[in-house]
Amino acid sequence: MKIAVNTRLLLPEKLEGMGRFACETLRIITREHPEHRFIFIFDRKHSDQFIFSDNIIPVNGFPPARHPLLWYAFFEKCVPRVLRKYNADLFLSPDGWLSLGTNVISLPVIHDLNFFHLPEFIPWHVHLMYYNYFFPRYVKKARRIVTVSEFSKRDIVSYFNYESNRVDVVYNGATETFHPVSTDKQSLTREKFARGCPYFLFIGLIHPRKNLGNLIKAFGAFKQSVSSNVKLLIVGSRKWWTEEMQQALDQCRYREDVIFTGRVSDTDLVDITASALSLVYVSHFEGFGIPLLEAMYCDTPVIASGVTSLPEVGGDAVLYVNPSSVDSIKSAMKSVYLDPALRQGLIEKSRAQREKFTWEKTASLLWESILKCAGSVR
């Protein structure tokens, strides 16, 4: 079988949720199925680190798909040409984007529908117009759909009136590199990133739905209620920084204790996660929430929103909050900081919960979905 794959999010040192999903699952699938050929379609010059095995043919497409006009050119012009050239049997898209300009069987991975539920968090209207026009058509075109949580499956089935038995849940995983580190390594990490102090941690794309405004407000309230040298470390690109976030930061009496690292290397990310007091992930909307799982693998306690998919991922191993309530977030931070028994209890529960999610399980379920989608094609 010749499987063409949209790999535009496989970018060195820039793997976020969907890019990480693509990287980890494709690494396993391509190596475990050498009898099949995989055509990786990049939207720029590829990195050899993503050519995982000899059965992969890299294609450097054009243009770089980072704007609605360029999205259209890449998916509706470039992708169909590649599919025709290599006579692809199936088109797999780990970020959910398809091409309407081809009749090749298509399997999108739709991680969530946040852009439909929270359109006010899409900064540019032209992006929202593109989502509103194309995604219903992608869903209609898809022979099957893959998603990463039962929450997202129910959402897709309900929103698009799509057949439930054609949506496959594969979940996400965490890489083996995420693990606890020694107390010496924790001290060195705090010196490097947090001025030698303990810290609460946020990891992810800085986007309005990630609720950074309320997180910063809650951190300020925590600092006011508890005398400490604790910092708030925010790891991620400020690409979607908003006026509301800036206002929350400007009005925080403890803004000097809020530290932005920007992007960090994969190695540093593991050390940062494993050295935190707690991950604080109070997003308004998530299809899965990989940072929760990564923190669990590092024996780091987790505070998270009790909404959308996050309770499905966290189970009973997470301290849940109302993301719209600054006081709820502050109280959870205070509890984790002051109660060692609570922290240890969350860690112990997370060791059982995290075993439910591995990239090996994800890749196996994704491969099953590929075979279902391909039908008689082999």
Protein backbone atom coordinates (compact mmCIF):
# COMPACT_ATOMS: atom_id res chain seq x y z
CA MET A 1 0.00 0.00 0.00
CA LYS A 2 1.21 3.52 -0.80
CA ILE A 3 0.26 5.88 2.01
CA ALA A 4 0.75 9.60 1.50
CA VAL A 5 1.01 11.64 4.70
CA ASN A 6 0.64 15.35 5.40
CA THR A 7 3.83 16.00 7.39
CA ARG A 8 3.90 19.79 7.31
CA LEU A 9 4.06 19.99 11.13
CA LEU A 10 7.22 17.87 11.41
CA LEU A 11 9.48 20.81 12.19
CA PRO A 12 12.76 20.46 14.13
CA GLU A 13 12.53 21.84 17.69
CA LYS A 14 8.96 23.03 16.98
CA LEU A 15 6.87 19.96 17.69
CA GLU A 16 3.70 20.94 19.50
CA GLY A 17 0.62 18.77 20.07
CA MET A 18 -0.29 17.74 16.51
CA GLY A 19 3.32 17.72 15.36
CA ARG A 20 4.30 15.51 18.29
CA PHE A 21 1.41 13.13 17.47
CA ALA A 22 2.59 12.89 13.85
CA CYS A 23 6.23 12.37 14.82
CA GLU A 24 5.72 9.65 17.39
CA THR A 25 3.07 7.64 15.57
CA LEU A 26 4.77 7.80 12.17
CA ARG A 27 8.12 6.78 13.65
CA ILE A 28 6.55 3.58 14.97
CA ILE A 29 4.23 2.81 12.06
CA THR A 30 6.80 3.24 9.29
CA ARG A 31 9.34 1.03 11.08
CA GLU A 32 6.83 -1.67 11.97
CA HIS A 33 5.39 -1.89 8.44
CA PRO A 34 8.32 -2.02 5.99
CA GLU A 35 6.10 -3.79 3.45
CA HIS A 36 4.28 -0.51 2.79
CA ARG A 37 5.56 2.71 1.22
CA PHE A 38 5.01 6.09 2.85
CA ILE A 39 5.16 9.40 0.97
CA PHE A 40 5.80 12.22 3.45
CA ILE A 41 4.58 15.55 2.04
CA PHE A 42 6.37 18.51 3.65
CA ASP A 43 5.57 22.15 2.95
CA ARG A 44 9.25 23.16 3.00
CA LYS A 45 12.67 21.49 2.93
CA HIS A 46 12.45 18.50 5.23
CA SER A 47 14.74 17.48 8.07
CA ASP A 48 16.31 14.03 7.80
CA GLN A 49 15.50 13.41 11.46
CA PHE A 50 11.91 12.72 10.36
CA ILE A 51 12.86 10.13 7.73
CA PHE A 52 12.49 7.26 10.13
CA SER A 53 13.00 4.31 7.77
CA ASP A 54 13.92 3.29 4.22
CA ASN A 55 10.30 2.92 3.12
CA ILE A 56 9.71 6.69 3.35
CA ILE A 57 9.84 8.96 0.30
CA PRO A 58 10.16 12.62 1.36
CA VAL A 59 8.56 15.21 -0.92
CA ASN A 60 9.28 18.89 -0.34
CA GLY A 61 6.11 20.64 -1.42
CA PHE A 62 5.33 24.30 -1.82
CA PRO A 63 4.31 26.80 -0.54
CA PRO A 64 4.88 26.79 3.25
CA ALA A 65 1.31 26.44 4.53
CA ARG A 66 1.07 29.06 7.28
CA HIS A 67 -1.68 31.42 6.01
CA PRO A 68 -5.14 30.76 4.50
CA LEU A 69 -4.04 31.56 0.95
CA LEU A 70 -0.99 29.35 1.37
CA TRP A 71 -3.09 26.63 3.05
CA TYR A 72 -5.26 26.60 -0.05
CA ALA A 73 -2.30 26.48 -2.43
CA PHE A 74 -0.64 23.65 -0.51
CA PHE A 75 -3.64 21.41 0.09
CA GLU A 76 -5.61 22.08 -3.10
CA LYS A 77 -2.76 22.37 -5.60
CA CYS A 78 0.42 20.78 -4.25
CA VAL A 79 -1.04 17.77 -2.41
CA PRO A 80 -3.20 16.51 -5.33
CA ARG A 81 -0.16 16.64 -7.64
CA VAL A 82 1.88 14.53 -5.24
CA LEU A 83 -0.93 12.03 -4.76
CA ARG A 84 -1.26 11.61 -8.54
CA LYS A 85 2.49 11.34 -9.09
CA TYR A 86 2.93 8.54 -6.58
CA ASN A 87 -0.44 6.91 -7.25
CA ALA A 88 -1.26 6.99 -3.53
CA ASP A 89 -3.82 4.56 -2.15
CA LEU A 90 -4.60 6.62 0.95
CA PHE A 91 -3.97 10.13 2.27
CA LEU A 92 -3.37 10.37 6.03
CA SER A 93 -3.47 13.82 7.60
CA PRO A 94 -2.34 13.93 11.26
CA ASP A 95 -3.48 17.55 11.65
CA GLY A 96 -6.96 17.08 10.16
CA TRP A 97 -6.48 19.06 6.94
CA LEU A 98 -7.50 17.32 3.72
CA SER A 99 -7.54 18.13 0.03
CA LEU A 100 -10.83 18.54 -1.77
CA GLY A 101 -8.99 18.33 -5.10
CA THR A 102 -8.39 14.59 -5.05
CA ASN A 103 -10.45 11.40 -5.01
CA VAL A 104 -7.85 9.49 -2.97
CA ILE A 105 -9.27 7.85 0.17
CA SER A 106 -8.68 10.28 3.02
CA LEU A 107 -8.21 9.79 6.75
CA PRO A 108 -7.90 12.95 8.89
CA VAL A 109 -6.91 13.07 12.55
CA ILE A 110 -9.17 15.77 13.99
CA HIS A 111 -7.82 16.50 17.46
CA ASP A 112 -10.59 18.85 18.57
CA LEU A 113 -13.13 21.42 17.40
CA ASN A 114 -11.94 24.35 19.50
CA PHE A 115 -12.20 26.79 16.57
CA PHE A 116 -15.95 26.11 16.28
CA HIS A 117 -16.71 26.29 19.99
CA LEU A 118 -14.45 29.26 20.81
CA PRO A 119 -14.33 31.39 17.64
CA GLU A 120 -13.59 34.47 19.75
CA PHE A 121 -10.16 32.96 20.46
CA ILE A 122 -9.20 32.91 16.76
CA PRO A 123 -7.29 36.20 16.41
CA TRP A 124 -7.69 36.60 12.65
CA HIS A 125 -11.09 36.49 10.99
CA VAL A 126 -9.72 35.08 7.73
CA HIS A 127 -8.49 31.98 9.60
CA LEU A 128 -11.94 31.41 11.06
CA MET A 129 -13.55 31.82 7.64
CA TYR A 130 -11.22 29.12 6.30
CA TYR A 131 -12.06 26.72 9.15
CA ASN A 132 -15.79 27.34 8.78
CA TYR A 133 -15.74 26.72 5.04
CA PHE A 134 -13.30 23.83 4.71
CA PHE A 135 -13.60 21.68 7.83
CA PRO A 136 -17.24 20.66 7.29
CA ARG A 137 -16.18 19.67 3.77
CA TYR A 138 -13.17 17.74 5.10
CA VAL A 139 -15.46 15.79 7.42
CA LYS A 140 -17.84 15.02 4.58
CA LYS A 141 -14.94 13.84 2.42
CA ALA A 142 -13.31 11.63 5.07
CA ARG A 143 -13.95 7.90 4.77
CA ARG A 144 -13.21 7.60 8.49
CA ILE A 145 -12.03 10.04 11.16
CA VAL A 146 -9.43 9.55 13.87
CA THR A 147 -9.48 11.59 17.08
CA VAL A 148 -7.64 11.57 20.41
CA SER A 149 -10.32 11.34 23.10
CA GLU A 150 -13.85 10.13 23.66
CA PHE A 151 -14.76 13.76 24.36
CA SER A 152 -13.62 14.80 20.88
CA LYS A 153 -15.36 11.80 19.31
CA ARG A 154 -18.69 12.79 20.87
CA ASP A 155 -18.09 16.38 19.78
CA ILE A 156 -17.37 15.42 16.16
CA VAL A 157 -20.35 13.06 15.97
CA SER A 158 -22.67 15.67 17.46
CA TYR A 159 -21.40 18.74 15.64
CA PHE A 160 -21.25 17.19 12.16
CA ASN A 161 -23.91 14.48 12.58
CA TYR A 162 -21.18 12.01 11.62
CA GLU A 163 -21.59 8.26 12.07
CA SER A 164 -20.14 7.22 15.41
CA ASN A 165 -18.86 3.87 14.11
CA ARG A 166 -16.66 5.71 11.61
CA VAL A 167 -14.76 7.68 14.29
CA ASP A 168 -11.80 5.93 15.93
CA VAL A 169 -10.29 7.09 19.25
CA VAL A 170 -6.52 6.52 19.48
CA TYR A 171 -5.54 8.86 22.35
CA ASN A 172 -2.06 10.41 22.66
CA GLY A 173 1.07 9.28 24.47
CA ALA A 174 4.23 10.65 26.02
CA THR A 175 7.78 10.08 24.82
CA GLU A 176 10.10 7.84 26.81
CA THR A 177 12.36 10.83 27.46
CA PHE A 178 9.92 12.17 30.05
CA HIS A 179 11.00 10.79 33.42
CA PRO A 180 11.82 11.96 36.95
CA VAL A 181 15.22 13.60 37.50
CA SER A 182 17.53 13.70 40.49
CA THR A 183 17.36 16.41 43.16
CA ASP A 184 20.71 17.72 41.88
CA LYS A 185 19.29 18.03 38.36
CA GLN A 186 16.22 19.77 39.76
CA SER A 187 18.44 22.31 41.53
CA LEU A 188 20.45 22.96 38.37
CA THR A 189 17.26 23.37 36.32
CA ARG A 190 15.82 25.85 38.80
CA GLU A 191 19.06 27.81 38.71
CA LYS A 192 19.01 27.87 34.92
CA PHE A 193 15.36 28.79 34.39
CA ALA A 194 13.78 30.04 37.62
CA ARG A 195 16.49 32.03 39.43
CA GLY A 196 17.08 29.09 41.75
CA CYS A 197 13.48 29.09 43.03
CA PRO A 198 10.65 26.53 43.02
CA TYR A 199 8.05 27.17 40.34
CA PHE A 200 4.63 26.38 39.01
CA LEU A 201 4.74 25.48 35.32
CA PHE A 202 2.71 26.06 32.19
CA ILE A 203 3.78 24.40 28.93
CA GLY A 204 2.17 24.92 25.56
CA LEU A 205 1.35 27.28 22.74
CA ILE A 206 0.46 30.62 24.27
CA HIS A 207 -3.03 30.99 22.84
CA PRO A 208 -6.20 32.59 24.28
CA ARG A 209 -7.90 29.24 24.93
CA LYS A 210 -4.96 28.24 27.14
CA ASN A 211 -6.27 30.77 29.69
CA LEU A 212 -2.95 32.44 30.54
CA GLY A 213 -4.75 35.56 31.77
CA ASN A 214 -6.51 33.73 34.58
CA LEU A 215 -3.39 31.70 35.34
CA ILE A 216 -1.35 34.87 35.86
CA LYS A 217 -4.11 36.41 37.99
CA ALA A 218 -4.32 33.22 40.08
CA PHE A 219 -0.55 33.18 40.55
CA GLY A 220 -0.67 36.76 41.79
CA ALA A 221 -3.43 35.82 44.24
CA PHE A 222 -1.39 32.80 45.39
CA LYS A 223 1.67 34.98 46.02
CA GLN A 224 -0.43 37.44 47.98
CA SER A 225 -1.86 34.70 50.21
CA VAL A 226 1.35 32.70 50.75
CA SER A 227 4.75 34.19 51.55
CA SER A 228 7.16 32.37 49.22
CA ASN A 229 9.83 32.72 46.56
CA VAL A 230 7.81 30.61 44.10
CA LYS A 231 7.88 31.62 40.43
CA LEU A 232 5.52 30.96 37.52
CA LEU A 233 7.40 29.53 34.54
CA ILE A 234 5.68 29.82 31.17
CA VAL A 235 7.22 27.69 28.43
CA GLY A 236 6.06 28.26 24.86
CA SER A 237 5.95 30.63 21.95
CA ARG A 238 4.16 33.98 22.47
CA LYS A 239 2.81 33.89 18.91
CA TRP A 240 -0.83 34.36 20.02
CA TRP A 241 -0.15 36.82 22.86
CA THR A 242 -3.19 39.03 23.45
CA GLU A 243 -4.05 42.35 25.06
CA GLU A 244 -5.97 40.50 27.79
CA MET A 245 -2.87 38.47 28.70
CA GLN A 246 -0.71 41.59 28.70
CA GLN A 247 -3.19 43.39 30.93
CA ALA A 248 -3.20 40.50 33.40
CA LEU A 249 0.60 40.60 33.49
CA ASP A 250 0.77 44.40 33.83
CA GLN A 251 -1.69 44.35 36.75
CA CYS A 252 0.05 41.50 38.57
CA ARG A 253 1.93 42.79 41.62
CA TYR A 254 4.29 39.85 41.23
CA ARG A 255 4.92 40.13 37.49
CA GLU A 256 8.68 39.97 38.10
CA ASP A 257 8.10 36.42 39.33
CA VAL A 258 6.46 35.42 36.04
CA ILE A 259 9.21 34.04 33.79
CA PHE A 260 8.80 33.43 30.06
CA THR A 261 11.31 31.01 28.56
CA GLY A 262 10.02 30.92 25.00
CA ARG A 263 10.64 27.63 23.23
CA VAL A 264 13.16 25.30 24.85
CA SER A 265 14.96 22.20 23.62
CA ASP A 266 13.42 18.77 24.14
CA THR A 267 16.08 17.96 26.74
CA ASP A 268 15.41 21.15 28.69
CA LEU A 269 11.68 20.54 28.48
CA VAL A 270 12.04 17.21 30.27
CA ASP A 271 14.20 18.75 33.01
CA ILE A 272 11.84 21.71 33.42
CA THR A 273 8.78 19.44 33.67
CA ALA A 274 10.44 17.09 36.15
CA SER A 275 11.66 19.96 38.37
CA ALA A 276 8.36 21.82 38.78
CA LEU A 277 6.24 22.06 41.90
CA SER A 278 3.28 21.33 39.68
CA LEU A 279 2.09 21.67 36.13
CA VAL A 280 -0.82 24.15 36.03
CA TYR A 281 -2.82 23.54 32.85
CA VAL A 282 -6.07 25.47 33.07
CA SER A 283 -7.09 25.58 29.42
CA HIS A 284 -10.68 26.39 28.43
CA PHE A 285 -10.74 23.67 25.76
CA GLU A 286 -8.57 20.65 24.92
CA GLY A 287 -8.93 17.64 22.68
CA PHE A 288 -6.44 15.75 24.85
CA GLY A 289 -3.74 17.67 26.76
CA ILE A 290 -0.36 16.00 26.23
CA PRO A 291 1.45 18.12 28.88
CA LEU A 292 -0.65 16.42 31.58
CA LEU A 293 0.67 13.05 30.53
CA GLU A 294 4.25 14.28 30.22
CA ALA A 295 4.10 15.68 33.75
CA MET A 296 2.73 12.37 35.05
CA TYR A 297 5.67 10.52 33.51
CA CYS A 298 7.97 12.95 35.32
CA ASP A 299 6.30 12.38 38.72
CA THR A 300 5.18 16.01 38.69
CA PRO A 301 1.77 16.80 40.26
CA VAL A 302 -0.86 18.25 37.93
CA ILE A 303 -3.47 20.98 38.38
CA ALA A 304 -5.84 21.14 35.42
CA SER A 305 -9.21 22.35 34.22
CA GLY A 306 -12.07 20.00 34.94
CA VAL A 307 -13.56 20.54 31.47
CA THR A 308 -13.58 19.02 27.97
CA SER A 309 -11.12 16.10 27.61
CA LEU A 310 -8.84 16.80 30.56
CA PRO A 311 -10.65 14.67 33.20
CA GLU A 312 -10.58 11.79 30.70
CA VAL A 313 -6.80 12.06 30.52
CA GLY A 314 -6.13 12.86 34.16
CA GLY A 315 -8.54 10.45 35.82
CA ASP A 316 -8.24 10.66 39.61
CA ALA A 317 -4.57 11.69 39.41
CA VAL A 318 -5.19 15.42 38.86
CA LEU A 319 -6.39 18.29 41.05
CA TYR A 320 -9.17 19.85 38.97
CA VAL A 321 -10.22 23.50 38.90
CA ASN A 322 -12.80 25.74 37.28
CA PRO A 323 -10.78 27.53 34.55
CA SER A 324 -13.09 30.56 34.72
CA SER A 325 -12.48 31.03 38.45
CA VAL A 326 -9.24 32.72 39.49
CA ASP A 327 -9.96 31.73 43.08
CA SER A 328 -10.36 28.06 42.15
CA ILE A 329 -6.97 28.03 40.41
CA LYS A 330 -5.32 29.95 43.26
CA SER A 331 -6.71 27.57 45.88
CA ALA A 332 -5.37 24.55 44.01
CA MET A 333 -1.91 26.12 43.72
CA LYS A 334 -1.98 26.90 47.44
CA SER A 335 -3.02 23.34 48.31
CA VAL A 336 -0.28 21.75 46.22
CA TYR A 337 2.34 24.09 47.64
CA LEU A 338 1.39 23.66 51.29
CA ASP A 339 0.40 19.99 51.39
CA PRO A 340 3.21 17.47 50.72
CA ALA A 341 0.82 14.57 51.30
CA LEU A 342 -1.48 15.86 48.56
CA ARG A 343 1.44 16.19 46.16
CA GLN A 344 2.62 12.66 46.88
CA GLY A 345 -0.89 11.27 46.54
CA LEU A 346 -1.28 12.86 43.10
CA ILE A 347 2.08 11.45 42.02
CA GLU A 348 1.22 7.93 43.15
CA LYS A 349 -2.12 8.00 41.37
CA SER A 350 -0.48 9.37 38.21
CA ARG A 351 1.85 6.37 38.01
CA ALA A 352 -1.16 4.15 37.40
CA GLN A 353 -3.05 6.61 35.20
CA ARG A 354 -0.14 7.26 32.82
CA GLU A 355 0.15 3.58 31.90
CA LYS A 356 -3.10 3.89 29.97
CA PHE A 357 -1.43 6.14 27.40
CA THR A 358 1.67 5.28 25.34
CA TRP A 359 2.69 6.18 21.80
CA GLU A 360 2.97 2.44 21.04
CA LYS A 361 -0.72 2.02 21.84
CA THR A 362 -1.55 5.15 19.83
CA ALA A 363 0.37 3.95 16.78
CA SER A 364 -1.23 0.50 16.92
CA LEU A 365 -4.73 1.97 17.04
CA LEU A 366 -3.92 4.45 14.27
CA TRP A 367 -2.67 1.61 12.07
CA GLU A 368 -5.90 -0.30 12.69
CA SER A 369 -7.83 2.77 11.57
CA ILE A 370 -5.68 3.08 8.44
CA LEU A 371 -6.49 -0.52 7.52
CA LYS A 372 -10.20 0.00 8.16
CA CYS A 373 -10.13 3.13 6.04
CA ALA A 374 -8.24 1.47 3.20
CA GLY A 375 -10.75 -1.37 3.06
CA SER A 376 -9.76 -3.71 0.28
CA VAL A 377 -6.77 -1.57 -0.71
CA ARG A 378 -3.46 -3.23 0.27
